[in-house]
PDB file of N, CA and C in Angstrom:
ATOM      1  N   MET A   1     154.020  49.268 113.847  1.00  0.00           N
ATOM      2  CA  MET A   1     153.351  50.217 114.307  1.00  0.00           C
ATOM      3  C   MET A   1     151.988  49.688 114.010  1.00  0.00           C
ATOM      4  N   GLY A   2     151.009  49.926 115.051  1.00  0.00           N
ATOM      5  CA  GLY A   2     149.472  49.479 114.800  1.00  0.00           C
ATOM      6  C   GLY A   2     148.848  50.409 113.834  1.00  0.00           C
ATOM      7  N   THR A   3     147.748  49.928 113.488  1.00  0.00           N
ATOM      8  CA  THR A   3     147.027  50.722 112.179  1.00  0.00           C
ATOM      9  C   THR A   3     146.464  51.832 112.994  1.00  0.00           C
ATOM     10  N   ASP A   4     146.009  51.786 114.354  1.00  0.00           N
ATOM     11  CA  ASP A   4     145.563  53.100 114.811  1.00  0.00           C
ATOM     12  C   ASP A   4     146.243  54.056 114.948  1.00  0.00           C
ATOM     13  N   ASN A   5     147.578  53.953 115.231  1.00  0.00           N
ATOM     14  CA  ASN A   5     148.754  55.122 114.960  1.00  0.00           C
ATOM     15  C   ASN A   5     148.816  55.627 113.777  1.00  0.00           C
ATOM     16  N   GLN A   6     148.929  54.512 112.891  1.00  0.00           N
ATOM     17  CA  GLN A   6     148.968  55.269 111.328  1.00  0.00           C
ATOM     18  C   GLN A   6     147.915  55.918 110.888  1.00  0.00           C
ATOM     19  N   LEU A   7     146.927  55.462 111.454  1.00  0.00           N
ATOM     20  CA  LEU A   7     145.316  55.981 111.102  1.00  0.00           C
ATOM     21  C   LEU A   7     145.611  57.720 111.653  1.00  0.00           C
ATOM     22  N   GLY A   8     145.929  57.748 112.869  1.00  0.00           N
ATOM     23  CA  GLY A   8     146.041  59.048 113.765  1.00  0.00           C
ATOM     24  C   GLY A   8     147.236  60.119 113.057  1.00  0.00           C
ATOM     25  N   ARG A   9     148.315  59.140 112.574  1.00  0.00           N
ATOM     26  CA  ARG A   9     149.241  60.194 112.132  1.00  0.00           C
ATOM     27  C   ARG A   9     148.794  60.924 110.939  1.00  0.00           C
ATOM     28  N   PHE A  10     148.074  59.994 109.882  1.00  0.00           N
ATOM     29  CA  PHE A  10     147.729  60.151 108.616  1.00  0.00           C
ATOM     30  C   PHE A  10     146.444  61.407 108.764  1.00  0.00           C
ATOM     31  N   CYS A  11     145.696  61.125 109.697  1.00  0.00           N
ATOM     32  CA  CYS A  11     144.649  62.302 109.970  1.00  0.00           C
ATOM     33  C   CYS A  11     145.415  63.593 110.395  1.00  0.00           C
ATOM     34  N   GLN A  12     146.271  63.793 111.087  1.00  0.00           N
ATOM     35  CA  GLN A  12     146.785  64.562 111.661  1.00  0.00           C
ATOM     36  C   GLN A  12     147.582  65.569 110.669  1.00  0.00           C
ATOM     37  N   ASP A  13     147.917  64.831 109.532  1.00  0.00           N
ATOM     38  CA  ASP A  13     148.735  65.451 108.703  1.00  0.00           C
ATOM     39  C   ASP A  13     147.854  65.494 107.054  1.00  0.00           C
ATOM     40  N   LEU A  14     146.612  65.419 107.526  1.00  0.00           N
ATOM     41  CA  LEU A  14     145.974  65.451 106.033  1.00  0.00           C
ATOM     42  C   LEU A  14     145.988  66.687 105.544  1.00  0.00           C
ATOM     43  N   GLY A  15     145.792  67.705 106.315  1.00  0.00           N
ATOM     44  CA  GLY A  15     145.483  68.968 105.792  1.00  0.00           C
ATOM     45  C   GLY A  15     146.755  69.608 105.021  1.00  0.00           C
ATOM     46  N   PHE A  16     147.820  68.979 105.589  1.00  0.00           N
ATOM     47  CA  PHE A  16     149.554  69.499 104.895  1.00  0.00           C
ATOM     48  C   PHE A  16     149.488  68.706 103.624  1.00  0.00           C
ATOM     49  N   LEU A  17     149.175  67.001 103.547  1.00  0.00           N
ATOM     50  CA  LEU A  17     149.314  66.358 102.513  1.00  0.00           C
ATOM     51  C   LEU A  17     148.160  66.888 101.600  1.00  0.00           C
ATOM     52  N   ARG A  18     147.144  67.517 101.852  1.00  0.00           N
ATOM     53  CA  ARG A  18     146.268  67.979 100.907  1.00  0.00           C
ATOM     54  C   ARG A  18     146.212  69.274 100.109  1.00  0.00           C
ATOM     55  N   ALA A  19     147.256  70.181 100.896  1.00  0.00           N
ATOM     56  CA  ALA A  19     147.707  71.192 100.505  1.00  0.00           C
ATOM     57  C   ALA A  19     148.933  70.915  99.306  1.00  0.00           C
ATOM     58  N   ARG A  20     149.652  69.862  99.368  1.00  0.00           N
ATOM     59  CA  ARG A  20     151.042  69.586  98.700  1.00  0.00           C
ATOM     60  C   ARG A  20     150.223  68.990  97.443  1.00  0.00           C
ATOM     61  N   ALA A  21     149.344  68.005  97.578  1.00  0.00           N
ATOM     62  CA  ALA A  21     148.662  67.338  96.255  1.00  0.00           C
ATOM     63  C   ALA A  21     148.033  68.393  95.660  1.00  0.00           C
ATOM     64  N   SER A  22     147.348  69.560  96.212  1.00  0.00           N
ATOM     65  CA  SER A  22     146.423  70.619  95.426  1.00  0.00           C
ATOM     66  C   SER A  22     147.369  70.970  94.520  1.00  0.00           C
ATOM     67  N   ALA A  23     148.624  71.398  95.064  1.00  0.00           N
ATOM     68  CA  ALA A  23     149.606  71.964  94.386  1.00  0.00           C
ATOM     69  C   ALA A  23     150.100  71.225  93.153  1.00  0.00           C
ATOM     70  N   ALA A  24     150.412  69.986  93.496  1.00  0.00           N
ATOM     71  CA  ALA A  24     150.859  68.812  92.496  1.00  0.00           C
ATOM     72  C   ALA A  24     149.978  68.577  91.446  1.00  0.00           C
ATOM     73  N   GLY A  25     148.595  69.207  91.576  1.00  0.00           N
ATOM     74  CA  GLY A  25     147.558  68.831  90.638  1.00  0.00           C
ATOM     75  C   GLY A  25     146.433  67.569  90.940  1.00  0.00           C
ATOM     76  N   VAL A  26     145.461  67.804  89.789  1.00  0.00           N
ATOM     77  CA  VAL A  26     144.196  67.026  90.203  1.00  0.00           C
ATOM     78  C   VAL A  26     144.413  65.529  90.568  1.00  0.00           C
ATOM     79  N   ALA A  27     145.335  64.824  89.589  1.00  0.00           N
ATOM     80  CA  ALA A  27     145.382  63.383  89.741  1.00  0.00           C
ATOM     81  C   ALA A  27     146.004  62.899  91.047  1.00  0.00           C
ATOM     82  N   LEU A  28     146.887  63.929  91.751  1.00  0.00           N
ATOM     83  CA  LEU A  28     147.561  63.237  92.856  1.00  0.00           C
ATOM     84  C   LEU A  28     146.508  63.678  94.146  1.00  0.00           C
ATOM     85  N   LEU A  29     145.934  64.931  93.961  1.00  0.00           N
ATOM     86  CA  LEU A  29     144.837  65.017  95.068  1.00  0.00           C
ATOM     87  C   LEU A  29     143.704  64.003  95.292  1.00  0.00           C
ATOM     88  N   GLU A  30     143.413  63.530  94.024  1.00  0.00           N
ATOM     89  CA  GLU A  30     142.164  62.494  93.890  1.00  0.00           C
ATOM     90  C   GLU A  30     142.795  61.353  94.467  1.00  0.00           C
ATOM     91  N   ALA A  31     143.774  60.791  94.037  1.00  0.00           N
ATOM     92  CA  ALA A  31     144.711  59.590  94.692  1.00  0.00           C
ATOM     93  C   ALA A  31     144.813  59.921  96.178  1.00  0.00           C
ATOM     94  N   LEU A  32     144.823  61.130  96.688  1.00  0.00           N
ATOM     95  CA  LEU A  32     144.934  61.257  98.278  1.00  0.00           C
ATOM     96  C   LEU A  32     143.523  61.150  98.776  1.00  0.00           C
ATOM     97  N   GLU A  33     142.572  61.802  98.084  1.00  0.00           N
ATOM     98  CA  GLU A  33     141.315  61.754  98.560  1.00  0.00           C
ATOM     99  C   GLU A  33     140.778  60.035  98.780  1.00  0.00           C
ATOM    100  N   ARG A  34     141.359  59.258  97.748  1.00  0.00           N
ATOM    101  CA  ARG A  34     140.683  58.023  97.897  1.00  0.00           C
ATOM    102  C   ARG A  34     141.353  57.143  98.933  1.00  0.00           C
ATOM    103  N   LEU A  35     142.981  57.573  99.471  1.00  0.00           N
ATOM    104  CA  LEU A  35     143.454  57.147 100.658  1.00  0.00           C
ATOM    105  C   LEU A  35     142.590  57.690 101.642  1.00  0.00           C
ATOM    106  N   SER A  36     142.163  58.688 101.372  1.00  0.00           N
ATOM    107  CA  SER A  36     141.456  59.129 102.775  1.00  0.00           C
ATOM    108  C   SER A  36     140.294  58.734 103.003  1.00  0.00           C
ATOM    109  N   GLY A  37     139.428  58.485 101.922  1.00  0.00           N
ATOM    110  CA  GLY A  37     138.076  57.553 102.109  1.00  0.00           C
ATOM    111  C   GLY A  37     138.464  56.284 102.643  1.00  0.00           C
ATOM    112  N   GLU A  38     139.329  55.611 102.332  1.00  0.00           N
ATOM    113  CA  GLU A  38     139.516  54.018 102.387  1.00  0.00           C
ATOM    114  C   GLU A  38     139.788  53.998 103.960  1.00  0.00           C
ATOM    115  N   ALA A  39     140.792  55.104 104.513  1.00  0.00           N
ATOM    116  CA  ALA A  39     141.058  55.201 106.010  1.00  0.00           C
ATOM    117  C   ALA A  39     139.851  55.643 106.676  1.00  0.00           C
ATOM    118  N   ALA A  40     139.230  56.370 106.145  1.00  0.00           N
ATOM    119  CA  ALA A  40     138.109  56.724 106.896  1.00  0.00           C
ATOM    120  C   ALA A  40     136.932  55.853 107.244  1.00  0.00           C
ATOM    121  N   ASP A  41     136.889  54.625 106.285  1.00  0.00           N
ATOM    122  CA  ASP A  41     136.223  53.352 105.974  1.00  0.00           C
ATOM    123  C   ASP A  41     136.795  52.407 107.186  1.00  0.00           C
ATOM    124  N   GLY A  42     137.934  52.551 107.331  1.00  0.00           N
ATOM    125  CA  GLY A  42     138.875  51.729 108.305  1.00  0.00           C
ATOM    126  C   GLY A  42     139.654  50.723 107.353  1.00  0.00           C
ATOM    127  N   ARG A  43     139.662  51.083 106.160  1.00  0.00           N
ATOM    128  CA  ARG A  43     140.481  49.919 105.359  1.00  0.00           C
ATOM    129  C   ARG A  43     141.825  50.133 105.076  1.00  0.00           C
ATOM    130  N   ILE A  44     142.717  50.016 106.349  1.00  0.00           N
ATOM    131  CA  ILE A  44     144.180  50.428 105.961  1.00  0.00           C
ATOM    132  C   ILE A  44     144.914  49.018 106.183  1.00  0.00           C
ATOM    133  N   ASP A  45     145.660  48.542 105.357  1.00  0.00           N
ATOM    134  CA  ASP A  45     146.239  47.235 105.222  1.00  0.00           C
ATOM    135  C   ASP A  45     147.741  47.984 104.721  1.00  0.00           C
ATOM    136  N   SER A  46     148.535  46.724 104.263  1.00  0.00           N
ATOM    137  CA  SER A  46     149.642  47.061 103.870  1.00  0.00           C
ATOM    138  C   SER A  46     149.561  47.640 102.480  1.00  0.00           C
ATOM    139  N   ALA A  47     149.086  47.310 101.581  1.00  0.00           N
ATOM    140  CA  ALA A  47     148.662  47.728 100.523  1.00  0.00           C
ATOM    141  C   ALA A  47     148.541  49.149 100.371  1.00  0.00           C
ATOM    142  N   TRP A  48     147.517  49.642 101.274  1.00  0.00           N
ATOM    143  CA  TRP A  48     146.958  51.099 101.708  1.00  0.00           C
ATOM    144  C   TRP A  48     148.481  51.862 102.034  1.00  0.00           C
ATOM    145  N   SER A  49     149.276  51.105 102.688  1.00  0.00           N
ATOM    146  CA  SER A  49     150.642  52.113 103.139  1.00  0.00           C
ATOM    147  C   SER A  49     151.570  52.393 102.115  1.00  0.00           C
ATOM    148  N   ALA A  50     151.333  51.215 101.425  1.00  0.00           N
ATOM    149  CA  ALA A  50     152.445  51.358 100.130  1.00  0.00           C
ATOM    150  C   ALA A  50     151.734  52.381  99.428  1.00  0.00           C
ATOM    151  N   ARG A  51     150.780  52.257  99.084  1.00  0.00           N
ATOM    152  CA  ARG A  51     150.105  53.518  97.899  1.00  0.00           C
ATOM    153  C   ARG A  51     150.277  54.839  98.683  1.00  0.00           C
ATOM    154  N   LEU A  52     150.210  55.019  99.942  1.00  0.00           N
ATOM    155  CA  LEU A  52     150.780  56.047 100.805  1.00  0.00           C
ATOM    156  C   LEU A  52     152.087  56.789 100.553  1.00  0.00           C
ATOM    157  N   VAL A  53     153.155  55.570 100.704  1.00  0.00           N
ATOM    158  CA  VAL A  53     154.312  56.016 100.862  1.00  0.00           C
ATOM    159  C   VAL A  53     154.518  56.458  99.024  1.00  0.00           C
ATOM    160  N   HIS A  54     153.993  55.696  98.018  1.00  0.00           N
ATOM    161  CA  HIS A  54     154.311  56.144  96.784  1.00  0.00           C
ATOM    162  C   HIS A  54     153.907  57.622  96.359  1.00  0.00           C
ATOM    163  N   LEU A  55     152.682  57.837  96.998  1.00  0.00           N
ATOM    164  CA  LEU A  55     151.898  59.250  96.776  1.00  0.00           C
ATOM    165  C   LEU A  55     152.939  60.097  97.568  1.00  0.00           C
ATOM    166  N   CYS A  56     153.475  60.011  98.819  1.00  0.00           N
ATOM    167  CA  CYS A  56     154.368  60.854  99.575  1.00  0.00           C
ATOM    168  C   CYS A  56     155.455  61.249  98.623  1.00  0.00           C
ATOM    169  N   ARG A  57     156.243  60.347  98.069  1.00  0.00           N
ATOM    170  CA  ARG A  57     157.215  60.006  96.997  1.00  0.00           C
ATOM    171  C   ARG A  57     156.869  60.877  95.543  1.00  0.00           C
ATOM    172  N   GLN A  58     155.721  61.106  95.173  1.00  0.00           N
ATOM    173  CA  GLN A  58     155.437  61.960  94.040  1.00  0.00           C
ATOM    174  C   GLN A  58     155.065  63.042  94.583  1.00  0.00           C
ATOM    175  N   LEU A  59     154.635  63.504  95.973  1.00  0.00           N
ATOM    176  CA  LEU A  59     154.607  65.007  96.251  1.00  0.00           C
ATOM    177  C   LEU A  59     155.828  65.408  96.925  1.00  0.00           C
ATOM    178  N   GLY A  60     157.137  64.758  96.478  1.00  0.00           N
ATOM    179  CA  GLY A  60     158.341  65.373  96.911  1.00  0.00           C
ATOM    180  C   GLY A  60     158.573  65.033  98.710  1.00  0.00           C
ATOM    181  N   ILE A  61     157.694  64.426  99.244  1.00  0.00           N
ATOM    182  CA  ILE A  61     157.922  64.106 100.610  1.00  0.00           C
ATOM    183  C   ILE A  61     159.256  63.103 100.610  1.00  0.00           C
ATOM    184  N   PRO A  62     160.095  63.307 101.403  1.00  0.00           N
ATOM    185  CA  PRO A  62     161.415  62.193 101.332  1.00  0.00           C
ATOM    186  C   PRO A  62     161.069  60.804 101.569  1.00  0.00           C
ATOM    187  N   GLU A  63     161.721  60.086 100.966  1.00  0.00           N
ATOM    188  CA  GLU A  63     161.263  58.482 101.105  1.00  0.00           C
ATOM    189  C   GLU A  63     161.538  58.152 102.657  1.00  0.00           C
ATOM    190  N   ALA A  64     162.490  58.363 102.847  1.00  0.00           N
ATOM    191  CA  ALA A  64     162.826  57.805 104.486  1.00  0.00           C
ATOM    192  C   ALA A  64     161.421  58.302 105.516  1.00  0.00           C
ATOM    193  N   THR A  65     160.798  59.465 105.466  1.00  0.00           N
ATOM    194  CA  THR A  65     159.950  59.764 106.083  1.00  0.00           C
ATOM    195  C   THR A  65     158.629  59.227 106.093  1.00  0.00           C
ATOM    196  N   ALA A  66     158.182  59.011 104.731  1.00  0.00           N
ATOM    197  CA  ALA A  66     157.117  58.357 104.230  1.00  0.00           C
ATOM    198  C   ALA A  66     157.280  56.834 104.915  1.00  0.00           C
ATOM    199  N   GLU A  67     158.644  56.119 104.454  1.00  0.00           N
ATOM    200  CA  GLU A  67     158.568  54.856 104.861  1.00  0.00           C
ATOM    201  C   GLU A  67     158.662  54.210 106.617  1.00  0.00           C
ATOM    202  N   ARG A  68     158.606  55.440 107.079  1.00  0.00           N
ATOM    203  CA  ARG A  68     158.671  55.467 108.677  1.00  0.00           C
ATOM    204  C   ARG A  68     156.987  55.020 108.966  1.00  0.00           C
ATOM    205  N   ALA A  69     156.339  54.974 108.072  1.00  0.00           N
ATOM    206  CA  ALA A  69     154.951  54.889 108.414  1.00  0.00           C
ATOM    207  C   ALA A  69     154.421  55.792 109.502  1.00  0.00           C
ATOM    208  N   TRP A  70     154.801  57.274 109.194  1.00  0.00           N
ATOM    209  CA  TRP A  70     154.273  58.234 109.716  1.00  0.00           C
ATOM    210  C   TRP A  70     154.246  58.032 111.232  1.00  0.00           C
ATOM    211  N   GLN A  71     155.508  57.798 111.802  1.00  0.00           N
ATOM    212  CA  GLN A  71     155.570  57.969 113.294  1.00  0.00           C
ATOM    213  C   GLN A  71     155.767  59.160 113.923  1.00  0.00           C
ATOM    214  N   PRO A  72     155.029  59.447 114.778  1.00  0.00           N
ATOM    215  CA  PRO A  72     155.022  60.962 115.523  1.00  0.00           C
ATOM    216  C   PRO A  72     156.148  61.394 115.708  1.00  0.00           C
ATOM    217  N   THR A  73     156.739  62.653 115.731  1.00  0.00           N
ATOM    218  CA  THR A  73     157.720  62.839 116.134  1.00  0.00           C
ATOM    219  C   THR A  73     157.857  63.657 117.577  1.00  0.00           C
ATOM    220  N   VAL A  74     158.793  63.458 118.292  1.00  0.00           N
ATOM    221  CA  VAL A  74     158.805  64.082 119.589  1.00  0.00           C
ATOM    222  C   VAL A  74     158.699  65.569 119.378  1.00  0.00           C
ATOM    223  N   GLY A  75     157.859  66.470 120.078  1.00  0.00           N
ATOM    224  CA  GLY A  75     157.691  67.882 119.896  1.00  0.00           C
ATOM    225  C   GLY A  75     156.959  68.141 118.646  1.00  0.00           C
ATOM    226  N   GLY A  76     156.591  67.459 118.023  1.00  0.00           N
ATOM    227  CA  GLY A  76     155.930  67.758 116.958  1.00  0.00           C
ATOM    228  C   GLY A  76     154.409  67.862 117.211  1.00  0.00           C
ATOM    229  N   PRO A  77     153.550  68.187 116.233  1.00  0.00           N
ATOM    230  CA  PRO A  77     152.076  68.544 116.262  1.00  0.00           C
ATOM    231  C   PRO A  77     151.477  67.542 116.994  1.00  0.00           C
ATOM    232  N   GLY A  78     150.769  67.720 117.707  1.00  0.00           N
ATOM    233  CA  GLY A  78     150.091  66.540 118.679  1.00  0.00           C
ATOM    234  C   GLY A  78     150.782  66.252 119.756  1.00  0.00           C
ATOM    235  N   ALA A  79     152.090  66.487 120.053  1.00  0.00           N
ATOM    236  CA  ALA A  79     153.170  66.140 121.101  1.00  0.00           C
ATOM    237  C   ALA A  79     152.204  66.840 122.464  1.00  0.00           C
ATOM    238  N   LEU A  80     152.725  65.999 123.551  1.00  0.00           N
ATOM    239  CA  LEU A  80     151.960  66.599 124.798  1.00  0.00           C
ATOM    240  C   LEU A  80     153.179  67.789 125.460  1.00  0.00           C
ATOM    241  N   LEU A  81     153.001  68.567 125.738  1.00  0.00           N
ATOM    242  CA  LEU A  81     153.580  69.780 126.331  1.00  0.00           C
ATOM    243  C   LEU A  81     154.048  69.404 127.558  1.00  0.00           C
ATOM    244  N   PRO A  82     155.215  69.922 127.819  1.00  0.00           N
ATOM    245  CA  PRO A  82     155.724  69.686 129.219  1.00  0.00           C
ATOM    246  C   PRO A  82     154.866  70.532 130.178  1.00  0.00           C
ATOM    247  N   THR A  83     155.059  69.956 131.406  1.00  0.00           N
ATOM    248  CA  THR A  83     154.184  70.681 132.354  1.00  0.00           C
ATOM    249  C   THR A  83     155.236  71.251 133.470  1.00  0.00           C
ATOM    250  N   GLY A  84     154.650  72.518 134.558  1.00  0.00           N
ATOM    251  CA  GLY A  84     155.486  72.850 135.334  1.00  0.00           C
ATOM    252  C   GLY A  84     154.991  74.217 135.273  1.00  0.00           C
ATOM    253  N   SER A  85     155.737  74.799 136.256  1.00  0.00           N
ATOM    254  CA  SER A  85     155.483  76.068 136.418  1.00  0.00           C
ATOM    255  C   SER A  85     155.979  77.161 135.112  1.00  0.00           C
ATOM    256  N   GLY A  86     155.299  78.050 134.673  1.00  0.00           N
ATOM    257  CA  GLY A  86     155.545  78.906 133.368  1.00  0.00           C
ATOM    258  C   GLY A  86     155.233  78.244 132.302  1.00  0.00           C
ATOM    259  N   ILE A  87     154.614  77.074 132.214  1.00  0.00           N
ATOM    260  CA  ILE A  87     154.433  76.317 130.910  1.00  0.00           C
ATOM    261  C   ILE A  87     152.426  76.661 131.092  1.00  0.00           C
ATOM    262  N   PRO A  88     152.231  77.258 129.997  1.00  0.00           N
ATOM    263  CA  PRO A  88     150.786  77.671 129.887  1.00  0.00           C
ATOM    264  C   PRO A  88     149.941  76.179 129.716  1.00  0.00           C
ATOM    265  N   SER A  89     148.798  76.052 130.292  1.00  0.00           N
ATOM    266  CA  SER A  89     148.141  74.947 130.361  1.00  0.00           C
ATOM    267  C   SER A  89     147.324  74.919 128.999  1.00  0.00           C
ATOM    268  N   ALA A  90     146.753  73.579 128.358  1.00  0.00           N
ATOM    269  CA  ALA A  90     146.247  73.350 127.331  1.00  0.00           C
ATOM    270  C   ALA A  90     145.330  72.283 127.218  1.00  0.00           C
ATOM    271  N   ASP A  91     144.050  72.466 126.615  1.00  0.00           N
ATOM    272  CA  ASP A  91     143.192  71.371 126.530  1.00  0.00           C
ATOM    273  C   ASP A  91     143.641  70.451 125.899  1.00  0.00           C
ATOM    274  N   ARG A  92     143.409  68.938 126.243  1.00  0.00           N
ATOM    275  CA  ARG A  92     143.638  67.612 125.455  1.00  0.00           C
ATOM    276  C   ARG A  92     142.363  67.174 124.730  1.00  0.00           C
ATOM    277  N   TYR A  93     142.273  67.193 123.296  1.00  0.00           N
ATOM    278  CA  TYR A  93     141.633  66.360 122.548  1.00  0.00           C
ATOM    279  C   TYR A  93     141.976  64.949 122.216  1.00  0.00           C
ATOM    280  N   ARG A  94     141.038  64.044 121.766  1.00  0.00           N
ATOM    281  CA  ARG A  94     141.378  62.649 121.111  1.00  0.00           C
ATOM    282  C   ARG A  94     140.334  62.785 119.991  1.00  0.00           C
ATOM    283  N   CYS A  95     140.778  61.516 119.033  1.00  0.00           N
ATOM    284  CA  CYS A  95     139.908  61.129 118.153  1.00  0.00           C
ATOM    285  C   CYS A  95     138.255  61.273 118.833  1.00  0.00           C
ATOM    286  N   PRO A  96     137.427  61.927 117.661  1.00  0.00           N
ATOM    287  CA  PRO A  96     136.000  61.627 118.378  1.00  0.00           C
ATOM    288  C   PRO A  96     135.014  60.313 118.301  1.00  0.00           C
ATOM    289  N   ARG A  97     135.983  59.392 117.663  1.00  0.00           N
ATOM    290  CA  ARG A  97     135.327  57.723 117.333  1.00  0.00           C
ATOM    291  C   ARG A  97     136.462  56.949 118.221  1.00  0.00           C
ATOM    292  N   ALA A  98     137.260  57.387 118.806  1.00  0.00           N
ATOM    293  CA  ALA A  98     138.218  56.543 119.358  1.00  0.00           C
ATOM    294  C   ALA A  98     138.737  55.421 118.342  1.00  0.00           C
ATOM    295  N   VAL A  99     138.673  55.532 117.220  1.00  0.00           N
ATOM    296  CA  VAL A  99     139.354  54.650 116.160  1.00  0.00           C
ATOM    297  C   VAL A  99     140.746  54.726 115.868  1.00  0.00           C
ATOM    298  N   CYS A 100     141.602  55.798 116.252  1.00  0.00           N
ATOM    299  CA  CYS A 100     142.899  56.348 116.229  1.00  0.00           C
ATOM    300  C   CYS A 100     143.558  56.639 117.477  1.00  0.00           C
ATOM    301  N   SER A 101     144.577  56.596 117.485  1.00  0.00           N
ATOM    302  CA  SER A 101     145.295  57.035 118.675  1.00  0.00           C
ATOM    303  C   SER A 101     145.817  58.783 118.750  1.00  0.00           C
ATOM    304  N   ARG A 102     145.170  59.071 117.527  1.00  0.00           N
ATOM    305  CA  ARG A 102     145.252  60.925 117.890  1.00  0.00           C
ATOM    306  C   ARG A 102     144.897  61.683 118.890  1.00  0.00           C
ATOM    307  N   TYR A 103     145.854  62.393 119.468  1.00  0.00           N
ATOM    308  CA  TYR A 103     145.517  63.297 120.628  1.00  0.00           C
ATOM    309  C   TYR A 103     146.195  64.796 120.214  1.00  0.00           C
ATOM    310  N   GLU A 104     145.590  65.666 120.484  1.00  0.00           N
ATOM    311  CA  GLU A 104     146.053  66.906 119.988  1.00  0.00           C
ATOM    312  C   GLU A 104     145.775  67.964 121.391  1.00  0.00           C
ATOM    313  N   LEU A 105     146.764  69.104 121.320  1.00  0.00           N
ATOM    314  CA  LEU A 105     146.523  70.237 122.620  1.00  0.00           C
ATOM    315  C   LEU A 105     146.033  71.253 121.581  1.00  0.00           C
ATOM    316  N   ARG A 106     145.222  72.012 122.478  1.00  0.00           N
ATOM    317  CA  ARG A 106     144.807  72.994 122.083  1.00  0.00           C
ATOM    318  C   ARG A 106     145.141  74.194 122.946  1.00  0.00           C
ATOM    319  N   GLN A 107     146.201  75.348 122.487  1.00  0.00           N
ATOM    320  CA  GLN A 107     146.546  76.379 123.234  1.00  0.00           C
ATOM    321  C   GLN A 107     145.308  77.156 123.784  1.00  0.00           C
ATOM    322  N   PRO A 108     145.199  77.800 124.767  1.00  0.00           N
ATOM    323  CA  PRO A 108     144.295  78.653 125.408  1.00  0.00           C
ATOM    324  C   PRO A 108     143.744  79.869 124.226  1.00  0.00           C
ATOM    325  N   GLY A 109     142.686  79.759 123.981  1.00  0.00           N
ATOM    326  CA  GLY A 109     142.250  80.773 122.831  1.00  0.00           C
ATOM    327  C   GLY A 109     142.503  80.476 121.323  1.00  0.00           C
ATOM    328  N   GLY A 110     143.187  79.340 121.138  1.00  0.00           N
ATOM    329  CA  GLY A 110     143.397  78.641 120.066  1.00  0.00           C
ATOM    330  C   GLY A 110     142.004  77.761 119.440  1.00  0.00           C
ATOM    331  N   PRO A 111     142.055  77.511 118.085  1.00  0.00           N
ATOM    332  CA  PRO A 111     141.059  76.681 117.487  1.00  0.00           C
ATOM    333  C   PRO A 111     140.854  75.269 118.182  1.00  0.00           C
ATOM    334  N   GLU A 112     139.628  74.845 118.120  1.00  0.00           N
ATOM    335  CA  GLU A 112     139.430  73.449 118.318  1.00  0.00           C
ATOM    336  C   GLU A 112     139.988  72.244 117.358  1.00  0.00           C
ATOM    337  N   PRO A 113     140.789  71.246 117.791  1.00  0.00           N
ATOM    338  CA  PRO A 113     141.387  70.553 116.765  1.00  0.00           C
ATOM    339  C   PRO A 113     140.042  69.811 115.961  1.00  0.00           C
ATOM    340  N   VAL A 114     140.514  69.653 114.573  1.00  0.00           N
ATOM    341  CA  VAL A 114     139.327  68.888 114.012  1.00  0.00           C
ATOM    342  C   VAL A 114     139.815  67.559 113.225  1.00  0.00           C
ATOM    343  N   CYS A 115     139.210  66.744 113.082  1.00  0.00           N
ATOM    344  CA  CYS A 115     139.256  65.356 112.452  1.00  0.00           C
ATOM    345  C   CYS A 115     139.730  65.617 110.884  1.00  0.00           C
ATOM    346  N   GLY A 116     140.831  65.180 110.405  1.00  0.00           N
ATOM    347  CA  GLY A 116     141.177  65.322 109.117  1.00  0.00           C
ATOM    348  C   GLY A 116     140.301  64.426 108.309  1.00  0.00           C
ATOM    349  N   LEU A 117     139.876  63.258 108.783  1.00  0.00           N
ATOM    350  CA  LEU A 117     138.962  62.421 107.792  1.00  0.00           C
ATOM    351  C   LEU A 117     137.790  62.546 107.657  1.00  0.00           C
ATOM    352  N   ARG A 118     137.152  63.170 108.867  1.00  0.00           N
ATOM    353  CA  ARG A 118     135.690  63.114 108.924  1.00  0.00           C
ATOM    354  C   ARG A 118     135.138  64.597 109.153  1.00  0.00           C
ATOM    355  N   GLY A 119     136.140  65.652 109.582  1.00  0.00           N
ATOM    356  CA  GLY A 119     135.703  67.025 109.776  1.00  0.00           C
ATOM    357  C   GLY A 119     134.821  67.173 110.929  1.00  0.00           C
ATOM    358  N   GLU A 120     135.048  66.319 112.083  1.00  0.00           N
ATOM    359  CA  GLU A 120     134.223  66.346 113.234  1.00  0.00           C
ATOM    360  C   GLU A 120     135.362  67.040 114.173  1.00  0.00           C
ATOM    361  N   THR A 121     135.051  67.868 115.133  1.00  0.00           N
ATOM    362  CA  THR A 121     135.752  68.127 116.027  1.00  0.00           C
ATOM    363  C   THR A 121     136.214  67.032 117.229  1.00  0.00           C
ATOM    364  N   LEU A 122     137.686  66.846 117.549  1.00  0.00           N
ATOM    365  CA  LEU A 122     138.025  66.090 118.213  1.00  0.00           C
ATOM    366  C   LEU A 122     137.575  66.192 120.044  1.00  0.00           C
ATOM    367  N   SER A 123     137.642  65.233 120.747  1.00  0.00           N
ATOM    368  CA  SER A 123     136.444  65.363 121.853  1.00  0.00           C
ATOM    369  C   SER A 123     137.470  65.831 122.880  1.00  0.00           C
ATOM    370  N   LEU A 124     137.123  66.731 123.871  1.00  0.00           N
ATOM    371  CA  LEU A 124     137.833  67.106 125.089  1.00  0.00           C
ATOM    372  C   LEU A 124     138.091  65.933 125.929  1.00  0.00           C
ATOM    373  N   VAL A 125     139.401  65.694 126.539  1.00  0.00           N
ATOM    374  CA  VAL A 125     139.433  64.613 127.258  1.00  0.00           C
ATOM    375  C   VAL A 125     139.811  65.259 128.568  1.00  0.00           C
ATOM    376  N   ASP A 126     140.568  66.231 128.521  1.00  0.00           N
ATOM    377  CA  ASP A 126     141.190  66.834 129.838  1.00  0.00           C
ATOM    378  C   ASP A 126     141.311  68.384 129.925  1.00  0.00           C
ATOM    379  N   PRO A 127     140.260  68.844 130.642  1.00  0.00           N
ATOM    380  CA  PRO A 127     140.169  70.319 130.413  1.00  0.00           C
ATOM    381  C   PRO A 127     141.133  70.939 131.517  1.00  0.00           C
ATOM    382  N   ALA A 128     141.655  71.951 131.117  1.00  0.00           N
ATOM    383  CA  ALA A 128     142.579  72.489 131.634  1.00  0.00           C
ATOM    384  C   ALA A 128     142.221  73.314 133.054  1.00  0.00           C
TER     385      ALA A 128
END
């Protein structure tokens, strides 16, 4: 899997990871923030990935999930919605700096999605 896909998935899951790390203690939260800073600077490599897998294990995230290098799951957060009659439209957003492959759908009336790494609002690409 490409680095941009891994970065996109990490960005998407960062809120969840931060909540788990906060509950687990300061040391794990600091380790996650170091990984986040490195990712924001574009410093993702195999050593970074190995540290992420190790951190996930410490947070109680199943080993198999962590070792899949954050493959997006069909129908999971950020997945494209089906189209057709009876399906509500949604705005499609992407990484504001186009450095990763993250795409999010915003449901009508929902909040705009935000980059987990930089806190910026994602860029609207397909208005409904």
